Amino acid sequence: MKKLAVIKIIRSACAGALGTLALQGCLWTSVYEQGQQPLETQSIFSEDGSAVQHLVLEDLNKDGVLDVVALLGPPKANGISYMEPLAPGRRVMALAGDGQGGFKSLFDLDVANVKPTNLGVWHPTNENTQVAVYGTNAAGEGVVQLISVGGAQVDGVSSYNVGGTADRVSMRATNAGTGGSQQLVVGGTFGPSPNLTTGGNTNTGTTTSRGEIKVLDNPQSDTFTTIGPLELPGAGAYGASSALAVADFNGDGRLDVVVADETQGGVVVNVQQADGTFRAQAPVAWGIYDIPVQVITGDFNADQRTDVRVIFESCHDAYYQNDGEQLAEPSVFHTVMDPTLHAVIADLDGDNDQDMLLTGINGAVEVLLLDNQGKVEQQSARRVVVADAPSTVDEDASLPVRVAQNMAHKVGAAAKALGTHFSPVTGEVMAAGADINKDGKPDLLFGTNDGKILLHLGN
């Protein structure tokens, strides 16, 4: 596999500068041509007629090795706009890792009576792992299903009705519960709210909703604790399912909500008060004309505070540092992704700080390596391709014979036309990143619209 290389991208301040490349409004010097190089991957899972709609890397069976959790659903048909939301998924699947880049099936379950749209992993205790799936039931009510995983098997599935329907969802596990217990938090706009009024008339339709945080605290029964309601105006009209995040922003042990508010063109932190209500801070403008598609949180500058990044559809990443009370004015970085559909956080260069991976359509991927202040120091753009399996290798032969056949195939392919031995990725691309095989180098995992899970091992 090829090395996950990075290259400094030099921005041009002059639209007419010599040697620049116009990319739908983003100007880059000719070094962007490196972005045409393929990022070679191998398929670890493939299923016709499905799409990988959500992808998580986590140690499910508590063996110290990262496993893969995926939400599978129908793919987008050709011609459907990339900004159209995905249809609800159908199944949750997990692959157990062997620590060397190999995987085998752990479980594959239909999500009974729920149309799932979001996926997360929850560790309520040191011994127990649960896969949390959010979706809606036949009545349109929000439901969280918890798939309990113990060792190498599924121990059980539980369902919890959260009431209403959430069209903007952020799930988060936290230890902010009473007595330090773990909680699963679902934040979103649930509605319609039965007691809201519009223009003096009681709302009896289905168009008005309210923001809430719903907390599942070590569940023993089919109930949720609800804190709120919380107003979330203009939250992610385009990236609805991911344009908000739940976190403790001021270090008081209570969960707050940050949302990209398109109506005000900025980020709003809703701070939870001691009585469970919320106080919205003044919006901090992002200062650019673009469409937010995702809000991600993390300690990007290693000061033990939760910072915020807003990822936009076209060529922008707004980074908001947290001073302990509120968010500072953002630093805006340019990207080469247009469109950007998804962003994930991972340590991609092994320096123990957080980096970002952006994905778009047709295999477009951008790696953003961050320094210890959260600023972009290196970028690289790639195209994800699938390395075809050697067609001349006898899988029943002895290992030395197979190695020799494989080498002969690679030499022959290189001598002919290497590009013909790779399959391009089409449609949306999901991603995750971590050191999967524990060699101290970043590895990347991709989920595709045509039902593939792809692995790139860094070297």
Protein backbone atom coordinates (compact mmCIF):
# COMPACT_ATOMS: atom_id res chain seq x y z
CA MET A 1 0.00 0.00 0.00
CA LYS A 2 1.13 3.50 -0.65
CA LYS A 3 2.23 5.78 2.12
CA LEU A 4 -0.29 8.33 3.37
CA ALA A 5 1.78 11.29 2.22
CA VAL A 6 1.00 14.92 2.93
CA ILE A 7 1.99 18.06 1.12
CA LYS A 8 1.77 21.71 2.02
CA ILE A 9 -0.92 23.44 -0.05
CA ILE A 10 0.02 27.03 -0.89
CA ARG A 11 -2.91 29.40 -1.14
CA SER A 12 -2.93 32.18 -3.71
CA ALA A 13 -4.17 35.60 -2.72
CA CYS A 14 -4.52 36.70 -6.31
CA ALA A 15 -7.25 35.30 -8.53
CA GLY A 16 -5.19 35.98 -11.62
CA ALA A 17 -1.93 34.57 -10.31
CA LEU A 18 0.02 32.38 -12.68
CA GLY A 19 -0.26 28.65 -12.16
CA THR A 20 -3.40 28.63 -10.00
CA LEU A 21 -6.19 26.12 -10.28
CA ALA A 22 -9.79 27.29 -9.91
CA LEU A 23 -11.90 24.71 -8.07
CA GLN A 24 -15.46 26.06 -7.96
CA GLY A 25 -14.38 29.28 -6.33
CA CYS A 26 -11.32 27.95 -4.48
CA LEU A 27 -7.90 28.91 -5.86
CA TRP A 28 -4.90 26.66 -5.41
CA THR A 29 -1.45 26.53 -6.91
CA SER A 30 -0.40 23.75 -9.22
CA VAL A 31 0.73 21.55 -6.30
CA TYR A 32 -2.91 20.46 -6.12
CA GLU A 33 -2.07 18.10 -8.94
CA GLN A 34 -0.83 15.69 -6.26
CA GLY A 35 -4.47 15.32 -5.35
CA GLN A 36 -5.00 13.32 -8.51
CA GLN A 37 -2.86 10.49 -7.13
CA PRO A 38 -4.88 7.48 -5.98
CA LEU A 39 -5.21 6.41 -2.36
CA GLU A 40 -5.06 2.64 -2.73
CA THR A 41 -7.39 0.54 -0.59
CA GLN A 42 -8.39 -3.09 -0.22
CA SER A 43 -11.95 -4.27 0.29
CA ILE A 44 -12.67 -5.95 3.65
CA PHE A 45 -16.44 -6.14 3.05
CA SER A 46 -18.66 -5.89 -0.01
CA GLU A 47 -22.39 -6.34 -0.56
CA ASP A 48 -24.26 -5.53 -3.75
CA GLY A 49 -27.38 -3.41 -3.44
CA SER A 50 -26.34 -1.74 -0.18
CA ALA A 51 -24.64 1.45 0.93
CA VAL A 52 -22.45 2.01 3.98
CA GLN A 53 -24.32 4.90 5.59
CA HIS A 54 -22.41 5.26 8.86
CA LEU A 55 -19.03 3.93 9.96
CA VAL A 56 -17.46 3.70 13.44
CA LEU A 57 -14.12 2.27 14.66
CA GLU A 58 -14.34 1.02 18.24
CA ASP A 59 -13.18 -1.87 20.43
CA LEU A 60 -16.52 -3.65 20.77
CA ASN A 61 -15.47 -6.95 22.31
CA LYS A 62 -12.96 -5.39 24.74
CA ASP A 63 -9.96 -7.32 23.43
CA GLY A 64 -7.80 -4.24 22.88
CA VAL A 65 -8.26 -4.33 19.09
CA LEU A 66 -10.33 -1.92 17.00
CA ASP A 67 -13.46 -3.31 15.35
CA VAL A 68 -15.72 -1.88 12.63
CA VAL A 69 -19.39 -0.99 13.13
CA ALA A 70 -21.44 -0.04 10.07
CA LEU A 71 -25.01 1.00 9.32
CA LEU A 72 -26.11 -0.52 6.00
CA GLY A 73 -28.99 0.80 3.94
CA PRO A 74 -30.14 1.42 0.39
CA PRO A 75 -27.70 3.29 -1.88
CA LYS A 76 -28.45 6.57 -3.59
CA ALA A 77 -29.51 6.05 -7.17
CA ASN A 78 -27.52 7.67 -9.95
CA GLY A 79 -28.64 11.22 -10.62
CA ILE A 80 -29.82 11.98 -7.08
CA SER A 81 -28.29 15.16 -5.70
CA TYR A 82 -25.49 14.62 -3.20
CA MET A 83 -27.24 17.04 -0.83
CA GLU A 84 -30.32 14.81 -0.64
CA PRO A 85 -30.39 12.86 2.64
CA LEU A 86 -29.77 9.15 2.68
CA ALA A 87 -32.76 6.83 3.00
CA PRO A 88 -32.98 5.17 6.45
CA GLY A 89 -30.72 2.19 6.95
CA ARG A 90 -31.75 -1.41 7.44
CA ARG A 91 -29.02 -3.32 9.27
CA VAL A 92 -26.20 -2.88 11.75
CA MET A 93 -23.10 -4.95 11.08
CA ALA A 94 -19.84 -5.37 12.99
CA LEU A 95 -16.49 -6.78 11.90
CA ALA A 96 -14.02 -7.92 14.57
CA GLY A 97 -10.44 -6.83 13.93
CA ASP A 98 -7.41 -9.05 14.46
CA GLY A 99 -4.98 -6.18 15.10
CA GLN A 100 -3.15 -6.82 11.82
CA GLY A 101 -5.64 -5.30 9.37
CA GLY A 102 -7.75 -8.46 9.05
CA PHE A 103 -11.45 -8.67 9.96
CA LYS A 104 -14.15 -11.29 10.42
CA SER A 105 -17.87 -11.02 11.08
CA LEU A 106 -18.88 -10.24 14.67
CA PHE A 107 -22.61 -9.73 14.15
CA ASP A 108 -25.10 -8.69 11.46
CA LEU A 109 -28.56 -7.67 12.69
CA ASP A 110 -31.71 -6.29 11.12
CA VAL A 111 -32.89 -3.21 12.99
CA ALA A 112 -36.34 -4.47 13.90
CA ASN A 113 -39.26 -2.03 13.70
CA VAL A 114 -36.98 1.00 13.39
CA LYS A 115 -35.78 3.04 10.41
CA PRO A 116 -32.24 3.89 11.63
CA THR A 117 -30.46 7.11 10.67
CA ASN A 118 -27.68 7.48 13.28
CA LEU A 119 -25.16 5.16 14.89
CA GLY A 120 -22.91 5.39 17.91
CA VAL A 121 -21.03 3.23 20.42
CA TRP A 122 -21.58 3.48 24.16
CA HIS A 123 -19.57 2.02 27.07
CA PRO A 124 -21.86 2.18 30.13
CA THR A 125 -19.37 0.06 32.13
CA ASN A 126 -15.83 -1.22 31.68
CA GLU A 127 -17.17 -4.68 30.89
CA ASN A 128 -20.10 -3.76 28.67
CA THR A 129 -20.27 -2.24 25.19
CA GLN A 130 -23.46 -1.17 23.46
CA VAL A 131 -24.08 -0.06 19.90
CA ALA A 132 -26.66 2.73 19.97
CA VAL A 133 -28.90 3.13 16.93
CA TYR A 134 -31.28 6.07 16.56
CA GLY A 135 -34.25 5.88 14.20
CA THR A 136 -38.01 6.19 13.95
CA ASN A 137 -40.71 3.57 14.34
CA ALA A 138 -43.85 3.04 12.25
CA ALA A 139 -45.65 5.75 14.23
CA GLY A 140 -42.90 8.27 13.50
CA GLU A 141 -41.61 8.31 17.08
CA GLY A 142 -37.92 8.52 17.89
CA VAL A 143 -36.44 5.24 19.13
CA VAL A 144 -32.99 4.31 20.42
CA GLN A 145 -32.03 0.66 20.16
CA LEU A 146 -29.09 -0.58 22.24
CA ILE A 147 -27.25 -3.68 20.98
CA SER A 148 -25.30 -5.17 23.89
CA VAL A 149 -22.02 -6.83 22.92
CA GLY A 150 -20.21 -9.17 25.29
CA GLY A 151 -17.05 -10.93 24.16
CA ALA A 152 -17.62 -12.36 20.70
CA GLN A 153 -21.40 -12.28 20.67
CA VAL A 154 -24.50 -10.13 21.03
CA ASP A 155 -26.00 -10.39 24.52
CA GLY A 156 -29.27 -8.64 23.77
CA VAL A 157 -31.14 -5.78 22.13
CA SER A 158 -33.17 -3.17 24.03
CA SER A 159 -35.39 -0.39 22.68
CA TYR A 160 -36.12 2.99 24.29
CA ASN A 161 -38.78 5.38 23.02
CA VAL A 162 -37.64 9.01 23.17
CA GLY A 163 -40.95 10.47 21.93
CA GLY A 164 -41.50 12.82 19.05
CA THR A 165 -39.39 12.69 15.92
CA ALA A 166 -35.89 14.14 15.74
CA ASP A 167 -34.79 15.36 12.32
CA ARG A 168 -31.45 16.69 13.59
CA VAL A 169 -29.65 14.25 15.86
CA SER A 170 -26.38 14.15 17.77
CA MET A 171 -25.66 11.15 20.02
CA ARG A 172 -23.03 11.37 22.73
CA ALA A 173 -21.89 9.14 25.59
CA THR A 174 -20.78 10.97 28.71
CA ASN A 175 -19.99 10.40 32.37
CA ALA A 176 -21.82 13.53 33.48
CA GLY A 177 -24.68 11.65 35.12
CA THR A 178 -25.56 11.57 38.79
CA GLY A 179 -22.77 9.93 40.75
CA GLY A 180 -20.53 9.79 37.68
CA SER A 181 -22.77 7.34 35.84
CA GLN A 182 -22.57 7.13 32.08
CA GLN A 183 -25.29 8.56 29.90
CA LEU A 184 -26.33 8.36 26.30
CA VAL A 185 -27.47 11.75 25.04
CA VAL A 186 -29.65 12.36 22.01
CA GLY A 187 -29.80 16.04 21.04
CA GLY A 188 -32.03 17.28 18.24
CA THR A 189 -35.18 19.04 17.15
CA PHE A 190 -38.14 16.96 18.23
CA GLY A 191 -41.65 17.84 17.22
CA PRO A 192 -44.23 18.93 16.72
CA SER A 193 -44.47 20.37 20.22
CA PRO A 194 -48.12 20.15 21.39
CA ASN A 195 -48.19 23.45 23.31
CA LEU A 196 -46.37 25.80 20.97
CA THR A 197 -48.30 28.68 19.44
CA THR A 198 -47.65 30.44 16.16
CA GLY A 199 -49.19 33.85 15.52
CA GLY A 200 -51.58 33.40 18.43
CA ASN A 201 -52.86 30.08 17.13
CA THR A 202 -52.12 26.78 18.79
CA ASN A 203 -49.93 24.61 16.60
CA THR A 204 -51.80 21.51 15.50
CA GLY A 205 -49.78 20.77 12.36
CA THR A 206 -46.53 18.98 11.80
CA THR A 207 -44.22 21.82 10.78
CA THR A 208 -43.20 23.26 14.15
CA SER A 209 -40.62 21.49 16.27
CA ARG A 210 -38.59 22.24 19.36
CA GLY A 211 -35.07 21.44 20.37
CA GLU A 212 -34.49 19.05 23.24
CA ILE A 213 -31.79 16.94 24.79
CA LYS A 214 -32.94 13.50 25.83
CA VAL A 215 -30.78 11.64 28.31
CA LEU A 216 -30.67 7.87 28.85
CA ASP A 217 -29.02 7.34 32.23
CA ASN A 218 -28.03 3.67 32.81
CA PRO A 219 -31.40 2.46 31.51
CA GLN A 220 -33.42 0.05 33.59
CA SER A 221 -36.79 0.76 31.97
CA ASP A 222 -38.23 2.08 28.75
CA THR A 223 -37.92 5.74 29.72
CA PHE A 224 -35.73 8.76 29.04
CA THR A 225 -35.01 11.79 31.11
CA THR A 226 -35.66 14.90 28.99
CA ILE A 227 -33.96 18.21 29.64
CA GLY A 228 -35.05 21.25 27.69
CA PRO A 229 -36.85 22.28 25.58
CA LEU A 230 -34.03 24.02 23.80
CA GLU A 231 -34.54 26.34 20.86
CA LEU A 232 -32.38 25.33 17.90
CA PRO A 233 -33.28 27.81 15.13
CA GLY A 234 -31.91 27.29 11.65
CA ALA A 235 -29.93 24.22 12.60
CA GLY A 236 -28.40 22.69 9.52
CA ALA A 237 -31.00 23.00 6.79
CA TYR A 238 -28.71 20.98 4.53
CA GLY A 239 -26.58 18.90 6.90
CA ALA A 240 -29.46 18.36 9.27
CA SER A 241 -28.36 15.19 11.00
CA SER A 242 -24.94 16.48 11.99
CA ALA A 243 -25.13 20.28 12.30
CA LEU A 244 -25.24 20.20 16.09
CA ALA A 245 -23.11 18.67 18.82
CA VAL A 246 -23.53 17.84 22.51
CA ALA A 247 -20.64 18.51 24.92
CA ASP A 248 -19.68 20.20 28.19
CA PHE A 249 -18.26 23.52 26.98
CA ASN A 250 -17.75 25.37 30.27
CA GLY A 251 -16.53 22.53 32.48
CA ASP A 252 -19.45 22.59 34.92
CA GLY A 253 -20.36 18.93 34.42
CA ARG A 254 -23.57 19.74 32.55
CA LEU A 255 -24.14 19.03 28.88
CA ASP A 256 -24.44 21.97 26.52
CA VAL A 257 -25.43 22.10 22.86
CA VAL A 258 -23.66 23.91 20.04
CA VAL A 259 -25.44 24.47 16.75
CA ALA A 260 -24.56 26.04 13.41
CA ASP A 261 -27.33 28.61 13.10
CA GLU A 262 -27.83 29.45 9.45
CA THR A 263 -30.43 32.12 10.24
CA GLN A 264 -27.77 34.18 12.05
CA GLY A 265 -24.72 32.99 10.14
CA GLY A 266 -22.83 31.80 13.19
CA VAL A 267 -22.29 29.27 15.97
CA VAL A 268 -24.53 29.37 19.04
CA VAL A 269 -23.62 27.61 22.30
CA ASN A 270 -26.66 26.77 24.41
CA VAL A 271 -25.40 26.49 28.01
CA GLN A 272 -27.32 24.21 30.34
CA GLN A 273 -28.23 25.80 33.65
CA ALA A 274 -28.48 24.11 37.05
CA ASP A 275 -32.27 23.78 36.70
CA GLY A 276 -31.96 22.00 33.34
CA THR A 277 -32.96 24.98 31.21
CA PHE A 278 -30.66 26.50 28.59
CA ARG A 279 -29.23 29.95 28.00
CA ALA A 280 -28.22 30.70 24.45
CA GLN A 281 -25.00 32.69 24.10
CA ALA A 282 -24.74 35.32 21.41
CA PRO A 283 -23.91 33.81 18.01
CA VAL A 284 -20.28 33.98 16.94
CA ALA A 285 -20.30 34.70 13.22
CA TRP A 286 -18.34 32.51 10.84
CA GLY A 287 -17.86 35.46 8.50
CA ILE A 288 -18.07 33.55 5.22
CA TYR A 289 -20.76 32.73 2.71
CA ASP A 290 -21.11 28.97 2.74
CA ILE A 291 -23.40 26.16 3.89
CA PRO A 292 -22.51 24.38 7.17
CA VAL A 293 -22.77 20.60 6.92
CA GLN A 294 -21.25 19.42 10.20
CA VAL A 295 -20.31 20.59 13.69
CA ILE A 296 -17.47 18.65 15.34
CA THR A 297 -16.04 19.15 18.81
CA GLY A 298 -12.75 18.26 20.48
CA ASP A 299 -9.82 19.66 22.43
CA PHE A 300 -7.86 20.82 19.39
CA ASN A 301 -5.27 22.93 21.28
CA ALA A 302 -4.66 20.66 24.29
CA ASP A 303 -5.93 23.14 26.89
CA GLN A 304 -8.49 20.70 28.39
CA ARG A 305 -11.44 22.64 26.92
CA THR A 306 -13.90 21.64 24.24
CA ASP A 307 -13.39 23.57 21.02
CA VAL A 308 -15.62 23.67 17.94
CA ARG A 309 -15.08 23.30 14.22
CA VAL A 310 -17.77 23.95 11.62
CA ILE A 311 -17.23 22.17 8.32
CA PHE A 312 -18.81 23.83 5.32
CA GLU A 313 -19.91 22.46 1.99
CA SER A 314 -17.37 24.38 -0.09
CA CYS A 315 -13.74 24.90 0.84
CA HIS A 316 -14.02 26.18 4.42
CA ASP A 317 -13.28 25.00 7.97
CA ALA A 318 -14.06 27.48 10.78
CA TYR A 319 -12.15 26.76 14.01
CA TYR A 320 -13.54 28.23 17.26
CA GLN A 321 -11.34 28.10 20.36
CA ASN A 322 -13.02 27.90 23.74
CA ASP A 323 -11.73 30.30 26.41
CA GLY A 324 -13.71 28.58 29.17
CA GLU A 325 -16.69 30.92 29.01
CA GLN A 326 -17.49 31.32 25.34
CA LEU A 327 -16.16 30.70 21.84
CA ALA A 328 -13.63 33.12 20.36
CA GLU A 329 -13.83 34.54 16.86
CA PRO A 330 -13.01 31.76 14.40
CA SER A 331 -9.92 31.10 12.35
CA VAL A 332 -11.06 30.12 8.87
CA PHE A 333 -9.02 27.62 6.87
CA HIS A 334 -9.43 26.72 3.23
CA THR A 335 -9.86 23.17 2.06
CA VAL A 336 -9.91 21.66 -1.42
CA MET A 337 -13.11 19.67 -0.93
CA ASP A 338 -16.10 20.84 -2.94
CA PRO A 339 -18.47 19.47 -1.89
CA THR A 340 -17.63 18.35 1.64
CA LEU A 341 -20.19 15.92 2.99
CA HIS A 342 -18.60 14.36 6.09
CA ALA A 343 -15.78 15.01 8.54
CA VAL A 344 -14.15 12.79 11.16
CA ILE A 345 -11.52 13.42 13.85
CA ALA A 346 -8.58 11.08 14.34
CA ASP A 347 -4.85 11.20 15.04
CA LEU A 348 -3.74 10.61 11.46
CA ASP A 349 -0.01 11.25 11.88
CA GLY A 350 0.70 9.64 15.25
CA ASP A 351 1.66 12.86 17.05
CA ASN A 352 -1.04 12.51 19.75
CA ASP A 353 -3.13 15.46 18.63
CA GLN A 354 -6.35 15.62 16.66
CA ASP A 355 -6.46 15.75 12.86
CA MET A 356 -9.36 15.76 10.41
CA LEU A 357 -10.41 13.74 7.42
CA LEU A 358 -12.92 15.22 4.97
CA THR A 359 -14.82 13.18 2.41
CA GLY A 360 -17.05 14.09 -0.49
CA ILE A 361 -18.28 12.33 -3.60
CA ASN A 362 -16.69 9.94 -6.08
CA GLY A 363 -13.84 8.97 -3.80
CA ALA A 364 -12.67 12.51 -3.00
CA VAL A 365 -10.78 12.64 0.32
CA GLU A 366 -8.77 15.37 2.05
CA VAL A 367 -6.45 14.85 5.01
CA LEU A 368 -5.97 17.88 7.27
CA LEU A 369 -3.08 17.47 9.71
CA LEU A 370 -3.38 19.88 12.63
CA ASP A 371 -0.70 21.23 14.92
CA ASN A 372 -1.00 21.35 18.72
CA GLN A 373 -2.87 24.65 18.45
CA GLY A 374 -5.57 23.22 16.20
CA LYS A 375 -4.34 25.01 13.09
CA VAL A 376 -3.98 23.32 9.72
CA GLU A 377 -0.30 22.70 9.00
CA GLN A 378 -0.48 20.19 6.15
CA GLN A 379 -3.10 19.07 3.68
CA SER A 380 -3.39 16.47 0.98
CA ALA A 381 -6.12 15.61 -1.48
CA ARG A 382 -6.61 12.12 -2.86
CA ARG A 383 -8.95 9.88 -4.81
CA VAL A 384 -9.94 6.59 -3.17
CA VAL A 385 -9.54 3.60 -5.47
CA VAL A 386 -10.01 -0.12 -4.83
CA ALA A 387 -7.05 -2.35 -5.64
CA ASP A 388 -8.34 -5.31 -7.62
CA ALA A 389 -7.49 -8.71 -6.18
CA PRO A 390 -4.75 -10.57 -8.11
CA SER A 391 -6.46 -12.73 -10.73
CA THR A 392 -3.57 -15.17 -11.19
CA VAL A 393 -3.06 -16.26 -7.58
CA ASP A 394 -4.04 -19.81 -6.62
CA GLU A 395 -5.58 -19.43 -3.15
CA ASP A 396 -5.12 -23.17 -2.50
CA ALA A 397 -1.39 -23.09 -3.19
CA SER A 398 1.24 -22.97 -0.45
CA LEU A 399 2.17 -19.60 0.99
CA PRO A 400 5.54 -19.30 -0.84
CA VAL A 401 3.85 -20.09 -4.17
CA ARG A 402 1.08 -17.54 -3.56
CA VAL A 403 3.62 -14.85 -2.64
CA ALA A 404 5.55 -15.53 -5.84
CA GLN A 405 2.37 -15.46 -7.95
CA ASN A 406 1.25 -12.23 -6.32
CA MET A 407 4.60 -10.55 -6.99
CA ALA A 408 4.54 -11.70 -10.62
CA HIS A 409 1.04 -10.29 -11.02
CA LYS A 410 2.05 -6.90 -9.58
CA VAL A 411 5.11 -6.67 -11.80
CA GLY A 412 3.04 -7.54 -14.86
CA ALA A 413 0.36 -5.02 -13.94
CA ALA A 414 2.91 -2.27 -13.48
CA ALA A 415 4.48 -3.06 -16.82
CA LYS A 416 1.11 -2.81 -18.61
CA ALA A 417 -0.99 -0.06 -17.09
CA LEU A 418 -1.34 0.04 -13.31
CA GLY A 419 -4.40 2.26 -13.48
CA THR A 420 -6.44 -0.42 -15.19
CA HIS A 421 -6.13 -2.63 -12.12
CA PHE A 422 -7.96 -0.22 -9.83
CA SER A 423 -11.69 0.42 -9.52
CA PRO A 424 -12.77 4.01 -8.88
CA VAL A 425 -15.14 4.78 -6.00
CA THR A 426 -18.43 6.47 -6.88
CA GLY A 427 -21.07 8.23 -4.79
CA GLU A 428 -20.71 9.45 -1.21
CA VAL A 429 -17.77 8.31 0.91
CA MET A 430 -17.89 7.76 4.69
CA ALA A 431 -14.62 7.53 6.60
CA ALA A 432 -12.89 6.74 9.89
CA GLY A 433 -9.24 6.85 10.90
CA ALA A 434 -7.03 5.23 13.55
CA ASP A 435 -3.97 3.05 13.97
CA ILE A 436 -5.81 -0.19 13.24
CA ASN A 437 -2.81 -2.55 13.15
CA LYS A 438 -0.88 -0.86 15.99
CA ASP A 439 2.25 -0.05 14.00
CA GLY A 440 2.28 3.63 15.00
CA LYS A 441 1.10 4.75 11.54
CA PRO A 442 -2.29 6.10 10.49
CA ASP A 443 -4.76 3.79 8.80
CA LEU A 444 -7.95 4.84 7.04
CA LEU A 445 -11.28 3.11 6.64
CA PHE A 446 -13.89 4.06 4.03
CA GLY A 447 -17.52 3.14 3.46
CA THR A 448 -18.97 3.56 -0.02
CA ASN A 449 -22.31 4.03 -1.71
CA ASP A 450 -21.94 0.66 -3.48
CA GLY A 451 -21.69 -1.40 -0.30
CA LYS A 452 -17.93 -1.64 0.23
CA ILE A 453 -15.81 -1.15 3.34
CA LEU A 454 -12.28 -0.29 2.25
CA LEU A 455 -9.03 -0.29 4.24
CA HIS A 456 -5.86 1.74 3.63
CA LEU A 457 -2.95 0.70 5.85
CA GLY A 458 -0.40 3.47 6.26
CA ASN A 459 3.26 2.58 5.89
